[in-house]
């Protein structure tokens, strides 16, 4: 098979298949997101005689044509990322698409990914679930994405960067409300941890400081968020002279309604 996408361990080096090791040993070239990171795995399994090529998000367009030419010449290329399955949230999809369009032989091996273990470990309904990947960098784009997702009943799975987690989760609370969620940290590694709680409680833990690879799984929209029973309660609080902040906090906690929706109702 000229082009093979090979999943690699997301932390524990034991999490690799016999087939993946065979494909790596048979490859003429291994295209790596980071040759130093992949080199550790390859040396661990005694694969030390292969040509490694750097193939990452900053150079994949420049390397694309040369890799395709090698495939046309029937060279066997294995693509790996630093961890997990390449081509999802890591480089490789452009090469895969071009190879398929040209009718070249392509194979994608099954193997390690953080998505499935995190969804199951969250304790939330896995059927259906939707993988979103990393939220957008810009605040306005994040809000737009979350607004498009808030009515979906599917469990939502996100990759979260530690240094952006606070902003991402705060925006989710504003749009989704204080939903049930689970933050899965350092999957398969020594310090693996699962934090199952409300988004607001998870945000508190993030503010305290959490490091490592993070996967956030969020409950989908539930029927209770669609009814108007919370509005009469908000009316009562307004009549009692409660502040907007206190009303928003109370309704969000009790009814799982987004902060934005509550504010809009109060202002109206």
C-alpha atoms as a PDB file:
ATOM      1  CA  UNK A   1       0.000   0.000   0.000  1.00  0.00           C
ATOM      2  CA  UNK A   2       1.837   3.168  -1.189  1.00  0.00           C
ATOM      3  CA  UNK A   3       0.177   5.583   1.293  1.00  0.00           C
ATOM      4  CA  UNK A   4      -0.745   4.489   4.812  1.00  0.00           C
ATOM      5  CA  UNK A   5      -2.016   6.634   7.657  1.00  0.00           C
ATOM      6  CA  UNK A   6      -0.711   5.043  10.841  1.00  0.00           C
ATOM      7  CA  UNK A   7      -2.138   5.919  14.280  1.00  0.00           C
ATOM      8  CA  UNK A   8       0.477   6.142  17.027  1.00  0.00           C
ATOM      9  CA  UNK A   9       0.132   6.092  20.847  1.00  0.00           C
ATOM     10  CA  UNK A  10      -1.339   9.177  22.509  1.00  0.00           C
ATOM     11  CA  UNK A  11       0.807   8.636  25.594  1.00  0.00           C
ATOM     12  CA  UNK A  12       1.431   5.011  26.503  1.00  0.00           C
ATOM     13  CA  UNK A  13       3.901   3.488  24.018  1.00  0.00           C
ATOM     14  CA  UNK A  14       2.220   0.087  24.412  1.00  0.00           C
ATOM     15  CA  UNK A  15      -0.859   1.373  22.586  1.00  0.00           C
ATOM     16  CA  UNK A  16       0.211   0.477  19.054  1.00  0.00           C
ATOM     17  CA  UNK A  17      -0.944  -2.409  16.907  1.00  0.00           C
ATOM     18  CA  UNK A  18       1.184  -5.158  15.399  1.00  0.00           C
ATOM     19  CA  UNK A  19      -0.072  -4.114  11.987  1.00  0.00           C
ATOM     20  CA  UNK A  20       1.008  -0.515  12.545  1.00  0.00           C
ATOM     21  CA  UNK A  21       4.523  -1.665  13.444  1.00  0.00           C
ATOM     22  CA  UNK A  22       4.667  -3.852  10.336  1.00  0.00           C
ATOM     23  CA  UNK A  23       3.576  -0.991   8.060  1.00  0.00           C
ATOM     24  CA  UNK A  24       6.180   1.310   9.607  1.00  0.00           C
ATOM     25  CA  UNK A  25       8.893  -1.306   9.084  1.00  0.00           C
ATOM     26  CA  UNK A  26       7.872  -1.829   5.444  1.00  0.00           C
ATOM     27  CA  UNK A  27       7.639   1.873   4.577  1.00  0.00           C
ATOM     28  CA  UNK A  28      10.234   3.512   2.339  1.00  0.00           C
ATOM     29  CA  UNK A  29       9.557   6.879   3.987  1.00  0.00           C
ATOM     30  CA  UNK A  30       7.832   7.931   7.203  1.00  0.00           C
ATOM     31  CA  UNK A  31       6.306  11.413   7.086  1.00  0.00           C
ATOM     32  CA  UNK A  32       6.262  12.747  10.669  1.00  0.00           C
ATOM     33  CA  UNK A  33       4.630  15.743  12.286  1.00  0.00           C
ATOM     34  CA  UNK A  34       7.822  16.023  14.371  1.00  0.00           C
ATOM     35  CA  UNK A  35      10.705  13.687  13.537  1.00  0.00           C
ATOM     36  CA  UNK A  36      12.069  13.987  17.090  1.00  0.00           C
ATOM     37  CA  UNK A  37       8.811  12.851  18.678  1.00  0.00           C
ATOM     38  CA  UNK A  38       8.289  10.012  16.196  1.00  0.00           C
ATOM     39  CA  UNK A  39      11.924   9.018  16.560  1.00  0.00           C
ATOM     40  CA  UNK A  40      11.341   8.113  20.215  1.00  0.00           C
ATOM     41  CA  UNK A  41       8.560   5.678  19.262  1.00  0.00           C
ATOM     42  CA  UNK A  42      10.491   4.199  16.333  1.00  0.00           C
ATOM     43  CA  UNK A  43      13.646   3.628  18.382  1.00  0.00           C
ATOM     44  CA  UNK A  44      11.560   2.039  21.136  1.00  0.00           C
ATOM     45  CA  UNK A  45      10.446  -0.623  18.642  1.00  0.00           C
ATOM     46  CA  UNK A  46      13.806  -0.976  16.891  1.00  0.00           C
ATOM     47  CA  UNK A  47      12.770   0.823  13.688  1.00  0.00           C
ATOM     48  CA  UNK A  48      15.933   2.813  13.075  1.00  0.00           C
ATOM     49  CA  UNK A  49      16.688   2.395   9.366  1.00  0.00           C
ATOM     50  CA  UNK A  50      13.895   4.519   7.869  1.00  0.00           C
ATOM     51  CA  UNK A  51      14.052   7.884   6.144  1.00  0.00           C
ATOM     52  CA  UNK A  52      12.039  10.386   8.188  1.00  0.00           C
ATOM     53  CA  UNK A  53      10.530  13.467   6.546  1.00  0.00           C
ATOM     54  CA  UNK A  54       9.123  16.425   8.455  1.00  0.00           C
ATOM     55  CA  UNK A  55       5.462  16.886   7.457  1.00  0.00           C
ATOM     56  CA  UNK A  56       3.518  19.325   9.610  1.00  0.00           C
ATOM     57  CA  UNK A  57       0.920  22.103   9.425  1.00  0.00           C
ATOM     58  CA  UNK A  58       3.487  24.734   8.431  1.00  0.00           C
ATOM     59  CA  UNK A  59       5.051  22.838   5.509  1.00  0.00           C
ATOM     60  CA  UNK A  60       2.457  20.345   4.274  1.00  0.00           C
ATOM     61  CA  UNK A  61       1.568  22.422   1.205  1.00  0.00           C
ATOM     62  CA  UNK A  62       5.260  22.702   0.269  1.00  0.00           C
ATOM     63  CA  UNK A  63       5.871  18.962   0.733  1.00  0.00           C
ATOM     64  CA  UNK A  64       2.652  17.863  -0.952  1.00  0.00           C
ATOM     65  CA  UNK A  65       3.826  17.557  -4.571  1.00  0.00           C
ATOM     66  CA  UNK A  66       7.073  15.772  -3.732  1.00  0.00           C
ATOM     67  CA  UNK A  67       5.221  13.207  -1.622  1.00  0.00           C
ATOM     68  CA  UNK A  68       2.631  12.658  -4.352  1.00  0.00           C
ATOM     69  CA  UNK A  69       5.402  12.113  -6.893  1.00  0.00           C
ATOM     70  CA  UNK A  70       6.939   9.455  -4.642  1.00  0.00           C
ATOM     71  CA  UNK A  71       3.535   7.756  -4.396  1.00  0.00           C
ATOM     72  CA  UNK A  72       3.179   7.809  -8.185  1.00  0.00           C
ATOM     73  CA  UNK A  73       6.524   6.002  -8.307  1.00  0.00           C
ATOM     74  CA  UNK A  74       5.113   3.321  -5.988  1.00  0.00           C
ATOM     75  CA  UNK A  75       7.174   4.288  -2.967  1.00  0.00           C
ATOM     76  CA  UNK A  76       5.552   3.277   0.302  1.00  0.00           C
ATOM     77  CA  UNK A  77       4.869   6.262   2.558  1.00  0.00           C
ATOM     78  CA  UNK A  78       3.614   5.997   6.130  1.00  0.00           C
ATOM     79  CA  UNK A  79       2.150   9.174   7.647  1.00  0.00           C
ATOM     80  CA  UNK A  80       2.188   9.609  11.425  1.00  0.00           C
ATOM     81  CA  UNK A  81       1.386  12.481  13.784  1.00  0.00           C
ATOM     82  CA  UNK A  82       2.890  13.163  17.178  1.00  0.00           C
ATOM     83  CA  UNK A  83       0.011  11.245  18.772  1.00  0.00           C
ATOM     84  CA  UNK A  84      -3.179   9.550  17.651  1.00  0.00           C
ATOM     85  CA  UNK A  85      -4.586   9.285  14.145  1.00  0.00           C
ATOM     86  CA  UNK A  86      -3.111  11.695  11.569  1.00  0.00           C
ATOM     87  CA  UNK A  87      -5.431  13.742   9.394  1.00  0.00           C
ATOM     88  CA  UNK A  88      -8.121  14.562  11.972  1.00  0.00           C
ATOM     89  CA  UNK A  89      -6.773  17.427  14.077  1.00  0.00           C
ATOM     90  CA  UNK A  90      -3.250  16.869  12.787  1.00  0.00           C
ATOM     91  CA  UNK A  91      -1.654  17.336   9.341  1.00  0.00           C
ATOM     92  CA  UNK A  92      -2.225  14.855   6.537  1.00  0.00           C
ATOM     93  CA  UNK A  93      -5.766  15.280   5.264  1.00  0.00           C
ATOM     94  CA  UNK A  94      -4.663  17.364   2.241  1.00  0.00           C
ATOM     95  CA  UNK A  95      -2.268  14.622   1.150  1.00  0.00           C
ATOM     96  CA  UNK A  96      -4.907  11.957   1.735  1.00  0.00           C
ATOM     97  CA  UNK A  97      -7.498  13.841  -0.325  1.00  0.00           C
ATOM     98  CA  UNK A  98      -5.122  14.445  -3.243  1.00  0.00           C
ATOM     99  CA  UNK A  99      -4.043  10.811  -3.288  1.00  0.00           C
ATOM    100  CA  UNK A 100      -7.665   9.627  -3.322  1.00  0.00           C
ATOM    101  CA  UNK A 101      -8.540  12.096  -6.100  1.00  0.00           C
ATOM    102  CA  UNK A 102      -5.695  10.730  -8.228  1.00  0.00           C
ATOM    103  CA  UNK A 103      -6.747   7.135  -7.646  1.00  0.00           C
ATOM    104  CA  UNK A 104      -3.595   6.237  -5.732  1.00  0.00           C
ATOM    105  CA  UNK A 105      -3.643   3.389  -3.238  1.00  0.00           C
ATOM    106  CA  UNK A 106      -4.500   4.676   0.229  1.00  0.00           C
ATOM    107  CA  UNK A 107      -5.126   2.941   3.528  1.00  0.00           C
ATOM    108  CA  UNK A 108      -5.975   4.248   6.996  1.00  0.00           C
ATOM    109  CA  UNK A 109      -5.173   1.917   9.871  1.00  0.00           C
ATOM    110  CA  UNK A 110      -7.373   1.716  12.975  1.00  0.00           C
ATOM    111  CA  UNK A 111      -5.724   2.617  16.226  1.00  0.00           C
ATOM    112  CA  UNK A 112      -5.222   5.112  19.048  1.00  0.00           C
ATOM    113  CA  UNK A 113      -7.381   8.217  19.294  1.00  0.00           C
ATOM    114  CA  UNK A 114      -8.375  10.350  22.281  1.00  0.00           C
ATOM    115  CA  UNK A 115     -11.932  10.835  21.055  1.00  0.00           C
ATOM    116  CA  UNK A 116     -13.576   7.471  21.785  1.00  0.00           C
ATOM    117  CA  UNK A 117     -12.031   6.848  25.234  1.00  0.00           C
ATOM    118  CA  UNK A 118     -12.920  10.398  26.343  1.00  0.00           C
ATOM    119  CA  UNK A 119     -16.555  10.133  25.225  1.00  0.00           C
ATOM    120  CA  UNK A 120     -16.998   6.819  27.039  1.00  0.00           C
ATOM    121  CA  UNK A 121     -15.164   7.964  30.176  1.00  0.00           C
ATOM    122  CA  UNK A 122     -17.350  11.083  30.350  1.00  0.00           C
ATOM    123  CA  UNK A 123     -20.371   9.010  31.315  1.00  0.00           C
ATOM    124  CA  UNK A 124     -22.479  11.045  28.891  1.00  0.00           C
ATOM    125  CA  UNK A 125     -24.599   9.467  26.173  1.00  0.00           C
ATOM    126  CA  UNK A 126     -22.245   8.267  23.396  1.00  0.00           C
ATOM    127  CA  UNK A 127     -25.011   7.823  20.822  1.00  0.00           C
ATOM    128  CA  UNK A 128     -24.974  10.113  19.018  1.00  0.00           C
ATOM    129  CA  UNK A 129     -21.906  12.205  19.658  1.00  0.00           C
ATOM    130  CA  UNK A 130     -20.191  14.845  17.526  1.00  0.00           C
ATOM    131  CA  UNK A 131     -16.460  15.506  17.392  1.00  0.00           C
ATOM    132  CA  UNK A 132     -15.749  19.217  16.944  1.00  0.00           C
ATOM    133  CA  UNK A 133     -11.978  19.433  17.413  1.00  0.00           C
ATOM    134  CA  UNK A 134     -10.315  22.610  18.671  1.00  0.00           C
ATOM    135  CA  UNK A 135     -12.593  25.669  19.085  1.00  0.00           C
ATOM    136  CA  UNK A 136     -11.648  28.706  16.946  1.00  0.00           C
ATOM    137  CA  UNK A 137      -8.985  31.086  18.206  1.00  0.00           C
ATOM    138  CA  UNK A 138     -11.077  34.258  17.853  1.00  0.00           C
ATOM    139  CA  UNK A 139     -13.825  35.011  20.372  1.00  0.00           C
ATOM    140  CA  UNK A 140     -16.482  35.971  17.795  1.00  0.00           C
ATOM    141  CA  UNK A 141     -15.842  32.815  15.759  1.00  0.00           C
ATOM    142  CA  UNK A 142     -16.038  30.680  18.900  1.00  0.00           C
ATOM    143  CA  UNK A 143     -19.375  32.181  19.884  1.00  0.00           C
ATOM    144  CA  UNK A 144     -20.717  31.671  16.362  1.00  0.00           C
ATOM    145  CA  UNK A 145     -19.678  28.011  16.442  1.00  0.00           C
ATOM    146  CA  UNK A 146     -21.169  27.398  19.894  1.00  0.00           C
ATOM    147  CA  UNK A 147     -24.430  29.089  18.872  1.00  0.00           C
ATOM    148  CA  UNK A 148     -24.693  26.677  15.936  1.00  0.00           C
ATOM    149  CA  UNK A 149     -24.187  23.710  18.280  1.00  0.00           C
ATOM    150  CA  UNK A 150     -26.351  24.660  21.249  1.00  0.00           C
ATOM    151  CA  UNK A 151     -29.606  23.142  19.916  1.00  0.00           C
ATOM    152  CA  UNK A 152     -28.014  19.795  19.032  1.00  0.00           C
ATOM    153  CA  UNK A 153     -28.900  16.874  21.268  1.00  0.00           C
ATOM    154  CA  UNK A 154     -25.660  15.076  20.403  1.00  0.00           C
ATOM    155  CA  UNK A 155     -22.923  14.843  23.022  1.00  0.00           C
ATOM    156  CA  UNK A 156     -20.171  17.240  21.941  1.00  0.00           C
ATOM    157  CA  UNK A 157     -16.466  16.387  22.040  1.00  0.00           C
ATOM    158  CA  UNK A 158     -13.781  19.097  21.900  1.00  0.00           C
ATOM    159  CA  UNK A 159     -10.007  19.176  21.999  1.00  0.00           C
ATOM    160  CA  UNK A 160      -8.926  21.967  24.361  1.00  0.00           C
ATOM    161  CA  UNK A 161      -5.545  23.668  24.692  1.00  0.00           C
ATOM    162  CA  UNK A 162      -4.557  24.201  28.364  1.00  0.00           C
ATOM    163  CA  UNK A 163      -3.699  27.886  27.887  1.00  0.00           C
ATOM    164  CA  UNK A 164      -7.031  28.551  26.104  1.00  0.00           C
ATOM    165  CA  UNK A 165      -9.272  26.324  28.204  1.00  0.00           C
ATOM    166  CA  UNK A 166     -10.529  29.097  30.495  1.00  0.00           C
ATOM    167  CA  UNK A 167     -11.800  31.269  27.625  1.00  0.00           C
ATOM    168  CA  UNK A 168     -13.234  28.312  25.713  1.00  0.00           C
ATOM    169  CA  UNK A 169     -15.220  26.976  28.667  1.00  0.00           C
ATOM    170  CA  UNK A 170     -16.402  30.432  29.779  1.00  0.00           C
ATOM    171  CA  UNK A 171     -17.803  31.026  26.283  1.00  0.00           C
ATOM    172  CA  UNK A 172     -19.488  27.614  26.331  1.00  0.00           C
ATOM    173  CA  UNK A 173     -21.229  28.500  29.591  1.00  0.00           C
ATOM    174  CA  UNK A 174     -22.439  31.790  28.098  1.00  0.00           C
ATOM    175  CA  UNK A 175     -23.947  29.998  25.103  1.00  0.00           C
ATOM    176  CA  UNK A 176     -24.826  26.462  26.281  1.00  0.00           C
ATOM    177  CA  UNK A 177     -25.691  27.196  29.890  1.00  0.00           C
ATOM    178  CA  UNK A 178     -24.206  25.243  32.783  1.00  0.00           C
ATOM    179  CA  UNK A 179     -24.389  21.788  31.218  1.00  0.00           C
ATOM    180  CA  UNK A 180     -22.980  18.525  32.491  1.00  0.00           C
ATOM    181  CA  UNK A 181     -19.518  17.867  31.118  1.00  0.00           C
ATOM    182  CA  UNK A 182     -16.331  15.914  31.620  1.00  0.00           C
ATOM    183  CA  UNK A 183     -12.755  17.066  31.236  1.00  0.00           C
ATOM    184  CA  UNK A 184     -10.477  14.136  30.467  1.00  0.00           C
ATOM    185  CA  UNK A 185      -6.831  14.964  31.075  1.00  0.00           C
ATOM    186  CA  UNK A 186      -3.625  13.151  30.051  1.00  0.00           C
ATOM    187  CA  UNK A 187      -5.334  10.063  28.578  1.00  0.00           C
ATOM    188  CA  UNK A 188      -3.254   6.852  28.870  1.00  0.00           C
ATOM    189  CA  UNK A 189      -0.515   8.662  30.822  1.00  0.00           C
ATOM    190  CA  UNK A 190       0.581   8.418  34.460  1.00  0.00           C
ATOM    191  CA  UNK A 191      -1.437  11.445  35.570  1.00  0.00           C
ATOM    192  CA  UNK A 192      -4.654  10.557  33.714  1.00  0.00           C
ATOM    193  CA  UNK A 193      -7.643  12.259  35.328  1.00  0.00           C
ATOM    194  CA  UNK A 194     -11.382  12.512  34.645  1.00  0.00           C
ATOM    195  CA  UNK A 195     -13.290  15.508  36.015  1.00  0.00           C
ATOM    196  CA  UNK A 196     -17.043  14.913  35.670  1.00  0.00           C
ATOM    197  CA  UNK A 197     -19.107  17.894  36.785  1.00  0.00           C
ATOM    198  CA  UNK A 198     -20.914  20.967  35.505  1.00  0.00           C
ATOM    199  CA  UNK A 199     -19.131  23.304  33.106  1.00  0.00           C
ATOM    200  CA  UNK A 200     -18.900  25.959  35.824  1.00  0.00           C
ATOM    201  CA  UNK A 201     -17.189  23.564  38.242  1.00  0.00           C
ATOM    202  CA  UNK A 202     -14.809  22.402  35.531  1.00  0.00           C
ATOM    203  CA  UNK A 203     -14.037  26.049  34.781  1.00  0.00           C
ATOM    204  CA  UNK A 204     -13.124  26.535  38.439  1.00  0.00           C
ATOM    205  CA  UNK A 205     -10.659  23.645  38.220  1.00  0.00           C
ATOM    206  CA  UNK A 206      -9.166  25.059  35.028  1.00  0.00           C
ATOM    207  CA  UNK A 207      -8.697  28.473  36.647  1.00  0.00           C
ATOM    208  CA  UNK A 208      -6.797  26.763  39.470  1.00  0.00           C
ATOM    209  CA  UNK A 209      -4.389  25.473  36.852  1.00  0.00           C
ATOM    210  CA  UNK A 210      -4.475  22.280  34.802  1.00  0.00           C
ATOM    211  CA  UNK A 211      -1.735  21.118  32.465  1.00  0.00           C
ATOM    212  CA  UNK A 212      -1.507  18.390  29.857  1.00  0.00           C
ATOM    213  CA  UNK A 213      -3.575  17.180  26.922  1.00  0.00           C
ATOM    214  CA  UNK A 214      -7.263  17.951  27.450  1.00  0.00           C
ATOM    215  CA  UNK A 215     -10.450  16.552  25.918  1.00  0.00           C
ATOM    216  CA  UNK A 216     -13.737  18.193  26.924  1.00  0.00           C
ATOM    217  CA  UNK A 217     -16.996  16.280  26.491  1.00  0.00           C
ATOM    218  CA  UNK A 218     -20.198  18.314  26.881  1.00  0.00           C
ATOM    219  CA  UNK A 219     -23.795  17.173  27.273  1.00  0.00           C
ATOM    220  CA  UNK A 220     -26.044  17.893  24.310  1.00  0.00           C
ATOM    221  CA  UNK A 221     -29.185  20.014  24.453  1.00  0.00           C
ATOM    222  CA  UNK A 222     -31.899  18.525  26.648  1.00  0.00           C
ATOM    223  CA  UNK A 223     -35.663  19.052  26.540  1.00  0.00           C
ATOM    224  CA  UNK A 224     -35.709  21.039  29.772  1.00  0.00           C
ATOM    225  CA  UNK A 225     -33.666  23.824  28.167  1.00  0.00           C
ATOM    226  CA  UNK A 226     -36.323  24.334  25.504  1.00  0.00           C
ATOM    227  CA  UNK A 227     -39.322  25.065  27.712  1.00  0.00           C
ATOM    228  CA  UNK A 228     -40.268  28.452  29.126  1.00  0.00           C
ATOM    229  CA  UNK A 229     -40.768  27.493  32.774  1.00  0.00           C
ATOM    230  CA  UNK A 230     -37.668  29.431  33.776  1.00  0.00           C
ATOM    231  CA  UNK A 231     -39.132  32.680  32.444  1.00  0.00           C
ATOM    232  CA  UNK A 232     -41.867  32.883  35.056  1.00  0.00           C
ATOM    233  CA  UNK A 233     -39.231  32.337  37.709  1.00  0.00           C
ATOM    234  CA  UNK A 234     -37.118  35.132  36.206  1.00  0.00           C
ATOM    235  CA  UNK A 235     -40.211  37.404  36.236  1.00  0.00           C
ATOM    236  CA  UNK A 236     -40.662  36.735  39.939  1.00  0.00           C
ATOM    237  CA  UNK A 237     -37.027  37.573  40.665  1.00  0.00           C
ATOM    238  CA  UNK A 238     -37.267  40.794  38.666  1.00  0.00           C
ATOM    239  CA  UNK A 239     -40.338  41.847  40.669  1.00  0.00           C
ATOM    240  CA  UNK A 240     -38.426  41.148  43.875  1.00  0.00           C
ATOM    241  CA  UNK A 241     -35.709  43.548  42.724  1.00  0.00           C
ATOM    242  CA  UNK A 242     -32.911  41.026  42.320  1.00  0.00           C
ATOM    243  CA  UNK A 243     -29.915  42.123  40.254  1.00  0.00           C
ATOM    244  CA  UNK A 244     -29.426  40.844  36.719  1.00  0.00           C
ATOM    245  CA  UNK A 245     -26.256  39.066  37.803  1.00  0.00           C
ATOM    246  CA  UNK A 246     -28.014  37.179  40.608  1.00  0.00           C
ATOM    247  CA  UNK A 247     -30.955  36.270  38.372  1.00  0.00           C
ATOM    248  CA  UNK A 248     -28.679  34.989  35.616  1.00  0.00           C
ATOM    249  CA  UNK A 249     -26.640  32.891  38.073  1.00  0.00           C
ATOM    250  CA  UNK A 250     -29.750  31.417  39.697  1.00  0.00           C
ATOM    251  CA  UNK A 251     -31.599  30.573  36.470  1.00  0.00           C
ATOM    252  CA  UNK A 252     -28.487  29.178  34.795  1.00  0.00           C
ATOM    253  CA  UNK A 253     -27.820  26.833  37.702  1.00  0.00           C
ATOM    254  CA  UNK A 254     -31.388  25.642  38.158  1.00  0.00           C
ATOM    255  CA  UNK A 255     -32.627  25.419  34.575  1.00  0.00           C
ATOM    256  CA  UNK A 256     -29.503  24.901  32.440  1.00  0.00           C
ATOM    257  CA  UNK A 257     -30.276  27.906  30.236  1.00  0.00           C
ATOM    258  CA  UNK A 258     -27.511  29.876  28.534  1.00  0.00           C
ATOM    259  CA  UNK A 259     -26.482  33.137  30.177  1.00  0.00           C
ATOM    260  CA  UNK A 260     -26.970  35.017  26.907  1.00  0.00           C
ATOM    261  CA  UNK A 261     -30.573  33.812  26.596  1.00  0.00           C
ATOM    262  CA  UNK A 262     -31.389  34.823  30.181  1.00  0.00           C
ATOM    263  CA  UNK A 263     -29.857  38.294  29.727  1.00  0.00           C
ATOM    264  CA  UNK A 264     -31.781  38.859  26.511  1.00  0.00           C
ATOM    265  CA  UNK A 265     -35.053  37.946  28.233  1.00  0.00           C
ATOM    266  CA  UNK A 266     -34.419  40.236  31.207  1.00  0.00           C
ATOM    267  CA  UNK A 267     -33.471  43.173  28.993  1.00  0.00           C
ATOM    268  CA  UNK A 268     -36.526  42.619  26.815  1.00  0.00           C
END
